[in-house]
Amino acid sequence: MGAQQSGGNSITPRKVFLITGFNNWGKTTLLSNLFATRVFQMRVPQYLPSFGQCGFLVMPQSNDDLGEPRYINAFNNRLNVFQSANGNAKYIASAFCPTREPANNSINILNTLYRTDQIEMLLIEDKWCGHAKLQIHNITSFYSSMTNITFHTVSSTNALLRLNAVRNIFASNLP
């Protein structure tokens, strides 16, 4: 998986946006609000309202929902269905959890699925209810060996402010 051939010998990396937080952090709700839908069909590209030229493959479940092997399988299935209907997926958005457990190691997931892609990791600093906080330094240190990740911290417990911050990050990282 990863980057895709785009004619000749050049390789074009995909742009991958990972909405990152822990279990019940509001990642899937944020994706639903961002794309203004509750259902992410495999064959249909999702477009961001107000700047819709980029069709996204969206993976609404995260690895904390499915575990490492099932997340990888579900993503590959979604990618195959999407690409058979639309061609190469250039833009991907997914809920993601920075897990470290041996049976659900997020670095293995990144290396398996997104090794050659440009990853924009949106770190949702505060749980939706404000009762938990990501340790941003620990997460950036955990992924420090991966040179294809750019980190973006989203700091708000207010749903609208959080959504607007995520929209701005997407907008500033798309053509």
N, C-alpha and C. Protein backbone atom coordinates (compact mmCIF):
# COMPACT_ATOMS: atom_id res chain seq x y z
N MET A 1 0.85 -1.18 0.00
CA MET A 1 0.00 0.00 0.00
C MET A 1 0.89 1.23 0.00
N GLY A 2 0.32 2.40 0.19
CA GLY A 2 1.11 3.61 0.24
C GLY A 2 1.02 4.40 -1.04
N ALA A 3 2.14 4.99 -1.45
CA ALA A 3 2.17 5.87 -2.62
C ALA A 3 1.74 5.13 -3.87
N GLN A 4 1.34 5.91 -4.86
CA GLN A 4 0.77 5.32 -6.06
C GLN A 4 1.54 5.80 -7.28
N GLN A 5 1.64 4.95 -8.29
CA GLN A 5 2.24 5.31 -9.55
C GLN A 5 1.35 6.34 -10.22
N SER A 6 1.97 7.34 -10.80
CA SER A 6 1.20 8.32 -11.56
C SER A 6 1.91 8.60 -12.87
N GLY A 7 2.04 7.57 -13.70
CA GLY A 7 2.69 7.71 -15.00
C GLY A 7 4.19 7.71 -14.86
N GLY A 8 4.90 7.21 -15.85
CA GLY A 8 6.35 7.17 -15.80
C GLY A 8 6.84 6.46 -14.57
N ASN A 9 7.92 6.96 -14.00
CA ASN A 9 8.50 6.34 -12.80
C ASN A 9 8.26 7.18 -11.56
N SER A 10 7.52 8.27 -11.68
CA SER A 10 7.32 9.11 -10.51
C SER A 10 6.26 8.49 -9.60
N ILE A 11 6.46 8.72 -8.32
CA ILE A 11 5.52 8.20 -7.32
C ILE A 11 4.91 9.41 -6.62
N THR A 12 3.59 9.42 -6.56
CA THR A 12 2.87 10.49 -5.89
C THR A 12 2.35 9.96 -4.57
N PRO A 13 2.85 10.51 -3.46
CA PRO A 13 2.31 10.04 -2.17
C PRO A 13 0.88 10.52 -1.98
N ARG A 14 0.12 9.70 -1.29
CA ARG A 14 -1.23 10.11 -0.91
C ARG A 14 -1.11 11.09 0.25
N LYS A 15 -2.16 11.87 0.44
CA LYS A 15 -2.25 12.76 1.60
C LYS A 15 -3.22 12.10 2.56
N VAL A 16 -2.73 11.77 3.76
CA VAL A 16 -3.51 11.04 4.76
C VAL A 16 -3.70 11.92 5.99
N PHE A 17 -4.95 12.13 6.36
CA PHE A 17 -5.28 12.91 7.55
C PHE A 17 -5.78 11.94 8.61
N LEU A 18 -5.09 11.87 9.72
CA LEU A 18 -5.46 10.97 10.81
C LEU A 18 -5.99 11.79 11.99
N ILE A 19 -7.28 11.66 12.26
CA ILE A 19 -7.92 12.31 13.40
C ILE A 19 -7.58 11.44 14.61
N THR A 20 -6.68 11.93 15.45
CA THR A 20 -6.02 11.07 16.44
C THR A 20 -6.43 11.41 17.87
N GLY A 21 -6.85 10.38 18.58
CA GLY A 21 -7.20 10.47 19.99
C GLY A 21 -7.45 9.06 20.50
N PHE A 22 -7.80 8.93 21.76
CA PHE A 22 -8.03 7.62 22.33
C PHE A 22 -9.50 7.21 22.23
N ASN A 23 -9.83 6.07 22.84
CA ASN A 23 -11.17 5.49 22.79
C ASN A 23 -12.22 6.50 23.28
N ASN A 24 -13.32 6.61 22.53
CA ASN A 24 -14.42 7.52 22.86
C ASN A 24 -13.96 8.98 22.96
N TRP A 25 -13.06 9.38 22.07
CA TRP A 25 -12.50 10.72 22.07
C TRP A 25 -13.31 11.65 21.17
N GLY A 26 -14.25 11.09 20.37
CA GLY A 26 -15.04 11.89 19.46
C GLY A 26 -14.46 11.97 18.05
N LYS A 27 -13.59 11.05 17.70
CA LYS A 27 -12.91 11.07 16.39
C LYS A 27 -13.90 10.85 15.24
N THR A 28 -14.75 9.84 15.35
CA THR A 28 -15.70 9.53 14.29
C THR A 28 -16.76 10.63 14.19
N THR A 29 -17.20 11.17 15.31
CA THR A 29 -18.15 12.28 15.29
C THR A 29 -17.52 13.49 14.58
N LEU A 30 -16.26 13.74 14.85
CA LEU A 30 -15.57 14.84 14.19
C LEU A 30 -15.49 14.61 12.68
N LEU A 31 -15.19 13.39 12.25
CA LEU A 31 -15.19 13.08 10.81
C LEU A 31 -16.57 13.29 10.21
N SER A 32 -17.60 12.82 10.90
CA SER A 32 -18.98 12.99 10.41
C SER A 32 -19.33 14.46 10.27
N ASN A 33 -18.97 15.26 11.24
CA ASN A 33 -19.26 16.69 11.17
C ASN A 33 -18.43 17.38 10.09
N LEU A 34 -17.20 16.98 9.95
CA LEU A 34 -16.31 17.56 8.95
C LEU A 34 -16.83 17.33 7.53
N PHE A 35 -17.27 16.10 7.25
CA PHE A 35 -17.75 15.76 5.92
C PHE A 35 -19.27 15.89 5.78
N ALA A 36 -19.94 16.34 6.84
CA ALA A 36 -21.39 16.56 6.84
C ALA A 36 -22.16 15.31 6.42
N THR A 37 -21.78 14.18 6.99
CA THR A 37 -22.49 12.93 6.73
C THR A 37 -22.31 11.99 7.91
N ARG A 38 -23.23 11.08 8.06
CA ARG A 38 -23.12 10.06 9.11
C ARG A 38 -22.75 8.70 8.51
N VAL A 39 -22.85 8.59 7.18
CA VAL A 39 -22.58 7.32 6.50
C VAL A 39 -21.46 7.53 5.49
N PHE A 40 -20.40 6.76 5.63
CA PHE A 40 -19.27 6.83 4.71
C PHE A 40 -19.29 5.58 3.83
N GLN A 41 -19.81 5.74 2.63
CA GLN A 41 -19.89 4.61 1.71
C GLN A 41 -18.53 4.34 1.10
N MET A 42 -18.25 3.05 0.87
CA MET A 42 -16.94 2.66 0.36
C MET A 42 -16.70 3.13 -1.07
N ARG A 43 -17.73 3.12 -1.90
CA ARG A 43 -17.56 3.44 -3.32
C ARG A 43 -17.63 4.94 -3.62
N VAL A 44 -18.12 5.71 -2.68
CA VAL A 44 -18.40 7.12 -2.95
C VAL A 44 -17.37 8.01 -2.27
N PRO A 45 -16.66 8.84 -3.06
CA PRO A 45 -15.74 9.79 -2.43
C PRO A 45 -16.51 10.78 -1.56
N GLN A 46 -15.92 11.17 -0.46
CA GLN A 46 -16.52 12.18 0.41
C GLN A 46 -15.84 13.51 0.12
N TYR A 47 -16.63 14.58 0.06
CA TYR A 47 -16.09 15.91 -0.21
C TYR A 47 -16.34 16.80 0.98
N LEU A 48 -15.37 17.67 1.24
CA LEU A 48 -15.50 18.62 2.33
C LEU A 48 -16.37 19.78 1.87
N PRO A 49 -17.44 20.09 2.60
CA PRO A 49 -18.27 21.23 2.22
C PRO A 49 -17.41 22.50 2.16
N SER A 50 -17.65 23.31 1.18
CA SER A 50 -17.02 24.61 0.95
C SER A 50 -15.65 24.55 0.28
N PHE A 51 -15.00 23.40 0.18
CA PHE A 51 -13.83 23.24 -0.70
C PHE A 51 -13.78 21.79 -1.14
N GLY A 52 -14.69 21.47 -2.09
CA GLY A 52 -14.95 20.09 -2.43
C GLY A 52 -14.24 19.51 -3.62
N GLN A 53 -13.10 20.04 -4.04
CA GLN A 53 -12.45 19.48 -5.21
C GLN A 53 -11.69 18.19 -4.92
N CYS A 54 -11.44 17.87 -3.68
CA CYS A 54 -10.68 16.67 -3.31
C CYS A 54 -11.62 15.60 -2.77
N GLY A 55 -11.71 14.48 -3.50
CA GLY A 55 -12.54 13.37 -3.05
C GLY A 55 -11.77 12.48 -2.10
N PHE A 56 -12.30 12.25 -0.93
CA PHE A 56 -11.64 11.48 0.12
C PHE A 56 -12.20 10.08 0.25
N LEU A 57 -11.32 9.13 0.50
CA LEU A 57 -11.70 7.84 1.06
C LEU A 57 -11.70 8.08 2.57
N VAL A 58 -12.80 7.75 3.24
CA VAL A 58 -12.89 7.98 4.68
C VAL A 58 -13.04 6.64 5.40
N MET A 59 -12.19 6.44 6.39
CA MET A 59 -12.22 5.26 7.25
C MET A 59 -12.73 5.72 8.62
N PRO A 60 -14.03 5.54 8.90
CA PRO A 60 -14.59 6.10 10.13
C PRO A 60 -14.22 5.35 11.40
N GLN A 61 -13.91 4.05 11.29
CA GLN A 61 -13.52 3.30 12.48
C GLN A 61 -12.01 3.44 12.67
N SER A 62 -11.61 3.48 13.92
CA SER A 62 -10.18 3.57 14.20
C SER A 62 -9.65 2.22 14.66
N ASN A 63 -8.36 2.16 14.81
CA ASN A 63 -7.73 0.94 15.29
C ASN A 63 -8.10 0.64 16.74
N ASP A 64 -8.57 1.61 17.51
CA ASP A 64 -9.04 1.27 18.86
C ASP A 64 -10.42 0.63 18.82
N ASP A 65 -11.16 0.84 17.72
CA ASP A 65 -12.45 0.16 17.52
C ASP A 65 -12.24 -1.27 17.03
N LEU A 66 -11.29 -1.45 16.12
CA LEU A 66 -11.15 -2.73 15.41
C LEU A 66 -9.93 -3.55 15.82
N GLY A 67 -8.92 -2.93 16.39
CA GLY A 67 -7.65 -3.62 16.63
C GLY A 67 -6.81 -3.57 15.35
N GLU A 68 -5.54 -3.82 15.50
CA GLU A 68 -4.60 -3.69 14.37
C GLU A 68 -4.95 -4.55 13.16
N PRO A 69 -5.10 -5.87 13.31
CA PRO A 69 -5.35 -6.67 12.10
C PRO A 69 -6.67 -6.34 11.42
N ARG A 70 -7.72 -6.12 12.20
CA ARG A 70 -9.02 -5.81 11.60
C ARG A 70 -9.05 -4.41 10.98
N TYR A 71 -8.33 -3.46 11.58
CA TYR A 71 -8.24 -2.12 11.00
C TYR A 71 -7.53 -2.20 9.64
N ILE A 72 -6.42 -2.90 9.59
CA ILE A 72 -5.67 -3.05 8.33
C ILE A 72 -6.55 -3.73 7.29
N ASN A 73 -7.22 -4.81 7.66
CA ASN A 73 -8.10 -5.51 6.71
C ASN A 73 -9.26 -4.63 6.26
N ALA A 74 -9.89 -3.93 7.20
CA ALA A 74 -11.02 -3.07 6.85
C ALA A 74 -10.57 -1.92 5.95
N PHE A 75 -9.42 -1.35 6.24
CA PHE A 75 -8.91 -0.28 5.39
C PHE A 75 -8.61 -0.79 3.99
N ASN A 76 -7.90 -1.93 3.89
CA ASN A 76 -7.58 -2.48 2.57
C ASN A 76 -8.84 -2.83 1.78
N ASN A 77 -9.85 -3.36 2.44
CA ASN A 77 -11.12 -3.65 1.78
C ASN A 77 -11.76 -2.36 1.28
N ARG A 78 -11.82 -1.35 2.14
CA ARG A 78 -12.41 -0.06 1.76
C ARG A 78 -11.62 0.56 0.60
N LEU A 79 -10.30 0.48 0.65
CA LEU A 79 -9.45 1.02 -0.41
C LEU A 79 -9.69 0.31 -1.73
N ASN A 80 -9.75 -1.01 -1.70
CA ASN A 80 -9.98 -1.78 -2.93
C ASN A 80 -11.33 -1.44 -3.56
N VAL A 81 -12.38 -1.37 -2.75
CA VAL A 81 -13.71 -1.03 -3.26
C VAL A 81 -13.71 0.39 -3.82
N PHE A 82 -13.13 1.32 -3.07
CA PHE A 82 -13.06 2.72 -3.49
C PHE A 82 -12.32 2.85 -4.82
N GLN A 83 -11.15 2.23 -4.91
CA GLN A 83 -10.32 2.37 -6.10
C GLN A 83 -10.92 1.67 -7.31
N SER A 84 -11.66 0.58 -7.10
CA SER A 84 -12.30 -0.08 -8.24
C SER A 84 -13.38 0.81 -8.85
N ALA A 85 -13.96 1.68 -8.05
CA ALA A 85 -15.01 2.57 -8.54
C ALA A 85 -14.48 3.94 -8.97
N ASN A 86 -13.36 4.38 -8.40
CA ASN A 86 -12.92 5.77 -8.58
C ASN A 86 -11.48 5.95 -9.04
N GLY A 87 -10.73 4.89 -9.16
CA GLY A 87 -9.30 5.05 -9.42
C GLY A 87 -8.56 5.27 -8.11
N ASN A 88 -7.31 5.69 -8.21
CA ASN A 88 -6.47 5.84 -7.02
C ASN A 88 -7.07 6.80 -6.00
N ALA A 89 -6.94 6.42 -4.74
CA ALA A 89 -7.34 7.29 -3.63
C ALA A 89 -6.18 8.23 -3.36
N LYS A 90 -6.36 9.51 -3.63
CA LYS A 90 -5.30 10.50 -3.41
C LYS A 90 -5.37 11.12 -2.01
N TYR A 91 -6.59 11.11 -1.44
CA TYR A 91 -6.81 11.74 -0.14
C TYR A 91 -7.55 10.76 0.76
N ILE A 92 -7.04 10.60 1.97
CA ILE A 92 -7.60 9.66 2.93
C ILE A 92 -7.79 10.38 4.26
N ALA A 93 -8.90 10.13 4.91
CA ALA A 93 -9.14 10.62 6.27
C ALA A 93 -9.56 9.42 7.10
N SER A 94 -9.00 9.32 8.29
CA SER A 94 -9.33 8.19 9.16
C SER A 94 -9.30 8.60 10.62
N ALA A 95 -10.18 7.98 11.39
CA ALA A 95 -10.05 8.03 12.84
C ALA A 95 -8.84 7.16 13.19
N PHE A 96 -8.08 7.57 14.20
CA PHE A 96 -6.85 6.85 14.52
C PHE A 96 -6.55 6.98 16.00
N CYS A 97 -5.97 5.93 16.56
CA CYS A 97 -5.60 5.90 17.97
C CYS A 97 -4.10 5.62 18.09
N PRO A 98 -3.36 6.39 18.89
CA PRO A 98 -1.92 6.19 19.02
C PRO A 98 -1.57 5.05 19.98
N THR A 99 -2.04 3.85 19.66
CA THR A 99 -1.86 2.69 20.54
C THR A 99 -0.43 2.16 20.47
N ARG A 100 -0.03 1.53 21.58
CA ARG A 100 1.31 0.96 21.68
C ARG A 100 1.30 -0.52 22.03
N GLU A 101 0.13 -1.09 22.25
CA GLU A 101 0.06 -2.48 22.67
C GLU A 101 0.61 -3.39 21.57
N PRO A 102 1.23 -4.50 21.94
CA PRO A 102 1.76 -5.42 20.93
C PRO A 102 0.72 -5.91 19.93
N ALA A 103 -0.52 -6.10 20.37
CA ALA A 103 -1.57 -6.60 19.46
C ALA A 103 -2.27 -5.47 18.71
N ASN A 104 -1.92 -4.22 19.00
CA ASN A 104 -2.55 -3.08 18.33
C ASN A 104 -1.54 -1.93 18.29
N ASN A 105 -0.43 -2.17 17.63
CA ASN A 105 0.66 -1.20 17.59
C ASN A 105 0.44 -0.24 16.43
N SER A 106 0.21 1.02 16.75
CA SER A 106 -0.12 2.01 15.71
C SER A 106 1.05 2.26 14.76
N ILE A 107 2.28 2.10 15.21
CA ILE A 107 3.42 2.25 14.30
C ILE A 107 3.40 1.16 13.24
N ASN A 108 3.05 -0.05 13.61
CA ASN A 108 2.91 -1.12 12.61
C ASN A 108 1.85 -0.76 11.58
N ILE A 109 0.75 -0.19 12.03
CA ILE A 109 -0.32 0.21 11.12
C ILE A 109 0.19 1.27 10.15
N LEU A 110 0.84 2.29 10.68
CA LEU A 110 1.36 3.36 9.82
C LEU A 110 2.36 2.82 8.80
N ASN A 111 3.25 1.93 9.25
CA ASN A 111 4.24 1.37 8.33
C ASN A 111 3.61 0.43 7.31
N THR A 112 2.55 -0.25 7.68
CA THR A 112 1.88 -1.16 6.75
C THR A 112 1.03 -0.42 5.73
N LEU A 113 0.28 0.57 6.16
CA LEU A 113 -0.69 1.22 5.28
C LEU A 113 -0.21 2.54 4.67
N TYR A 114 0.58 3.29 5.41
CA TYR A 114 0.87 4.68 5.01
C TYR A 114 2.36 5.00 4.95
N ARG A 115 3.19 4.02 4.83
CA ARG A 115 4.65 4.18 4.92
C ARG A 115 5.19 5.25 3.97
N THR A 116 4.68 5.32 2.74
CA THR A 116 5.20 6.26 1.75
C THR A 116 4.28 7.46 1.53
N ASP A 117 3.27 7.60 2.35
CA ASP A 117 2.32 8.70 2.21
C ASP A 117 2.74 9.88 3.07
N GLN A 118 2.18 11.05 2.77
CA GLN A 118 2.36 12.21 3.64
C GLN A 118 1.21 12.19 4.65
N ILE A 119 1.55 12.04 5.92
CA ILE A 119 0.56 11.94 6.98
C ILE A 119 0.45 13.26 7.72
N GLU A 120 -0.77 13.75 7.81
CA GLU A 120 -1.10 14.90 8.65
C GLU A 120 -1.81 14.32 9.87
N MET A 121 -1.12 14.28 11.01
CA MET A 121 -1.70 13.70 12.22
C MET A 121 -2.28 14.82 13.07
N LEU A 122 -3.60 14.84 13.16
CA LEU A 122 -4.31 15.85 13.94
C LEU A 122 -4.52 15.29 15.34
N LEU A 123 -3.79 15.81 16.28
CA LEU A 123 -3.84 15.34 17.66
C LEU A 123 -4.94 16.09 18.41
N ILE A 124 -6.03 15.38 18.71
CA ILE A 124 -7.14 15.97 19.44
C ILE A 124 -6.74 15.98 20.92
N GLU A 125 -6.30 17.14 21.38
CA GLU A 125 -5.67 17.23 22.70
C GLU A 125 -6.61 16.89 23.85
N ASP A 126 -7.85 17.37 23.77
CA ASP A 126 -8.78 17.15 24.87
C ASP A 126 -9.92 16.25 24.45
N LYS A 127 -10.25 15.29 25.31
CA LYS A 127 -11.43 14.46 25.07
C LYS A 127 -12.64 15.38 25.01
N TRP A 128 -13.65 14.99 24.25
CA TRP A 128 -14.82 15.85 24.01
C TRP A 128 -15.43 16.39 25.29
N CYS A 129 -15.37 15.63 26.38
CA CYS A 129 -15.98 16.04 27.64
C CYS A 129 -15.03 16.86 28.51
N GLY A 130 -13.76 16.95 28.09
CA GLY A 130 -12.78 17.72 28.85
C GLY A 130 -12.18 16.98 30.03
N HIS A 131 -12.49 15.67 30.19
CA HIS A 131 -12.01 14.92 31.34
C HIS A 131 -10.71 14.16 31.11
N ALA A 132 -10.13 14.30 29.94
CA ALA A 132 -8.87 13.62 29.65
C ALA A 132 -8.10 14.45 28.63
N LYS A 133 -6.79 14.28 28.61
CA LYS A 133 -5.93 15.07 27.75
C LYS A 133 -4.85 14.18 27.16
N LEU A 134 -4.62 14.33 25.84
CA LEU A 134 -3.51 13.63 25.20
C LEU A 134 -2.20 14.23 25.70
N GLN A 135 -1.23 13.40 25.90
CA GLN A 135 0.10 13.87 26.24
C GLN A 135 0.84 14.06 24.91
N ILE A 136 0.72 15.26 24.36
CA ILE A 136 1.22 15.56 23.02
C ILE A 136 2.70 15.21 22.88
N HIS A 137 3.51 15.60 23.84
CA HIS A 137 4.95 15.33 23.76
C HIS A 137 5.22 13.82 23.69
N ASN A 138 4.49 13.04 24.47
CA ASN A 138 4.69 11.58 24.45
C ASN A 138 4.34 11.00 23.08
N ILE A 139 3.30 11.52 22.47
CA ILE A 139 2.87 11.00 21.17
C ILE A 139 3.86 11.40 20.08
N THR A 140 4.27 12.67 20.06
CA THR A 140 5.23 13.08 19.04
C THR A 140 6.56 12.36 19.23
N SER A 141 6.94 12.10 20.45
CA SER A 141 8.18 11.32 20.70
C SER A 141 8.03 9.89 20.21
N PHE A 142 6.86 9.29 20.44
CA PHE A 142 6.61 7.91 20.04
C PHE A 142 6.76 7.74 18.53
N TYR A 143 6.33 8.75 17.77
CA TYR A 143 6.40 8.68 16.30
C TYR A 143 7.61 9.42 15.72
N SER A 144 8.57 9.80 16.55
CA SER A 144 9.67 10.65 16.09
C SER A 144 10.54 10.01 15.00
N SER A 145 10.56 8.70 14.90
CA SER A 145 11.37 8.05 13.86
C SER A 145 10.69 8.10 12.49
N MET A 146 9.44 8.51 12.44
CA MET A 146 8.70 8.53 11.19
C MET A 146 8.79 9.94 10.58
N THR A 147 9.47 10.04 9.46
CA THR A 147 9.72 11.34 8.85
C THR A 147 8.58 11.83 7.96
N ASN A 148 7.58 11.01 7.73
CA ASN A 148 6.48 11.40 6.84
C ASN A 148 5.25 11.91 7.60
N ILE A 149 5.41 12.25 8.88
CA ILE A 149 4.29 12.74 9.69
C ILE A 149 4.52 14.21 10.04
N THR A 150 3.47 15.00 9.83
CA THR A 150 3.42 16.37 10.33
C THR A 150 2.34 16.38 11.41
N PHE A 151 2.66 16.92 12.57
CA PHE A 151 1.73 16.95 13.69
C PHE A 151 1.00 18.28 13.76
N HIS A 152 -0.28 18.20 14.08
CA HIS A 152 -1.13 19.38 14.27
C HIS A 152 -1.90 19.16 15.56
N THR A 153 -1.78 20.06 16.51
CA THR A 153 -2.52 19.94 17.76
C THR A 153 -3.83 20.71 17.65
N VAL A 154 -4.91 20.04 18.02
CA VAL A 154 -6.24 20.66 18.04
C VAL A 154 -6.63 20.77 19.51
N SER A 155 -6.67 22.00 20.01
CA SER A 155 -6.87 22.24 21.44
C SER A 155 -8.18 22.96 21.71
N SER A 156 -9.24 22.21 21.89
CA SER A 156 -10.51 22.81 22.32
C SER A 156 -11.47 21.71 22.73
N THR A 157 -12.22 21.96 23.77
CA THR A 157 -13.30 21.04 24.14
C THR A 157 -14.61 21.50 23.51
N ASN A 158 -14.65 22.71 22.98
CA ASN A 158 -15.84 23.23 22.30
C ASN A 158 -15.94 22.60 20.93
N ALA A 159 -17.04 21.92 20.65
CA ALA A 159 -17.20 21.15 19.41
C ALA A 159 -17.06 22.01 18.17
N LEU A 160 -17.65 23.20 18.15
CA LEU A 160 -17.58 24.06 16.97
C LEU A 160 -16.16 24.59 16.76
N LEU A 161 -15.49 25.01 17.82
CA LEU A 161 -14.11 25.49 17.70
C LEU A 161 -13.18 24.36 17.23
N ARG A 162 -13.41 23.18 17.74
CA ARG A 162 -12.61 22.01 17.34
C ARG A 162 -12.82 21.72 15.86
N LEU A 163 -14.08 21.70 15.44
CA LEU A 163 -14.40 21.44 14.04
C LEU A 163 -13.77 22.50 13.13
N ASN A 164 -13.86 23.76 13.51
CA ASN A 164 -13.26 24.82 12.71
C ASN A 164 -11.75 24.69 12.64
N ALA A 165 -11.11 24.31 13.73
CA ALA A 165 -9.66 24.11 13.72
C ALA A 165 -9.28 22.97 12.76
N VAL A 166 -10.05 21.89 12.80
CA VAL A 166 -9.78 20.75 11.91
C VAL A 166 -10.01 21.16 10.46
N ARG A 167 -11.07 21.88 10.18
CA ARG A 167 -11.32 22.38 8.81
C ARG A 167 -10.15 23.20 8.31
N ASN A 168 -9.63 24.07 9.17
CA ASN A 168 -8.51 24.92 8.78
C ASN A 168 -7.26 24.10 8.49
N ILE A 169 -7.02 23.07 9.27
CA ILE A 169 -5.85 22.20 9.03
C ILE A 169 -6.01 21.49 7.71
N PHE A 170 -7.18 20.93 7.44
CA PHE A 170 -7.43 20.28 6.15
C PHE A 170 -7.22 21.28 5.02
N ALA A 171 -7.84 22.45 5.13
CA ALA A 171 -7.77 23.44 4.05
C ALA A 171 -6.34 23.87 3.76
N SER A 172 -5.54 24.02 4.80
CA SER A 172 -4.16 24.48 4.59
C SER A 172 -3.24 23.39 4.07
N ASN A 173 -3.72 22.15 4.03
CA ASN A 173 -2.89 21.04 3.56
C ASN A 173 -3.43 20.36 2.31
N LEU A 174 -4.37 21.03 1.65
CA LEU A 174 -4.93 20.52 0.39
C LEU A 174 -4.62 21.51 -0.73
N PRO A 175 -4.59 21.02 -1.97
CA PRO A 175 -4.31 21.95 -3.08
C PRO A 175 -5.42 22.97 -3.26
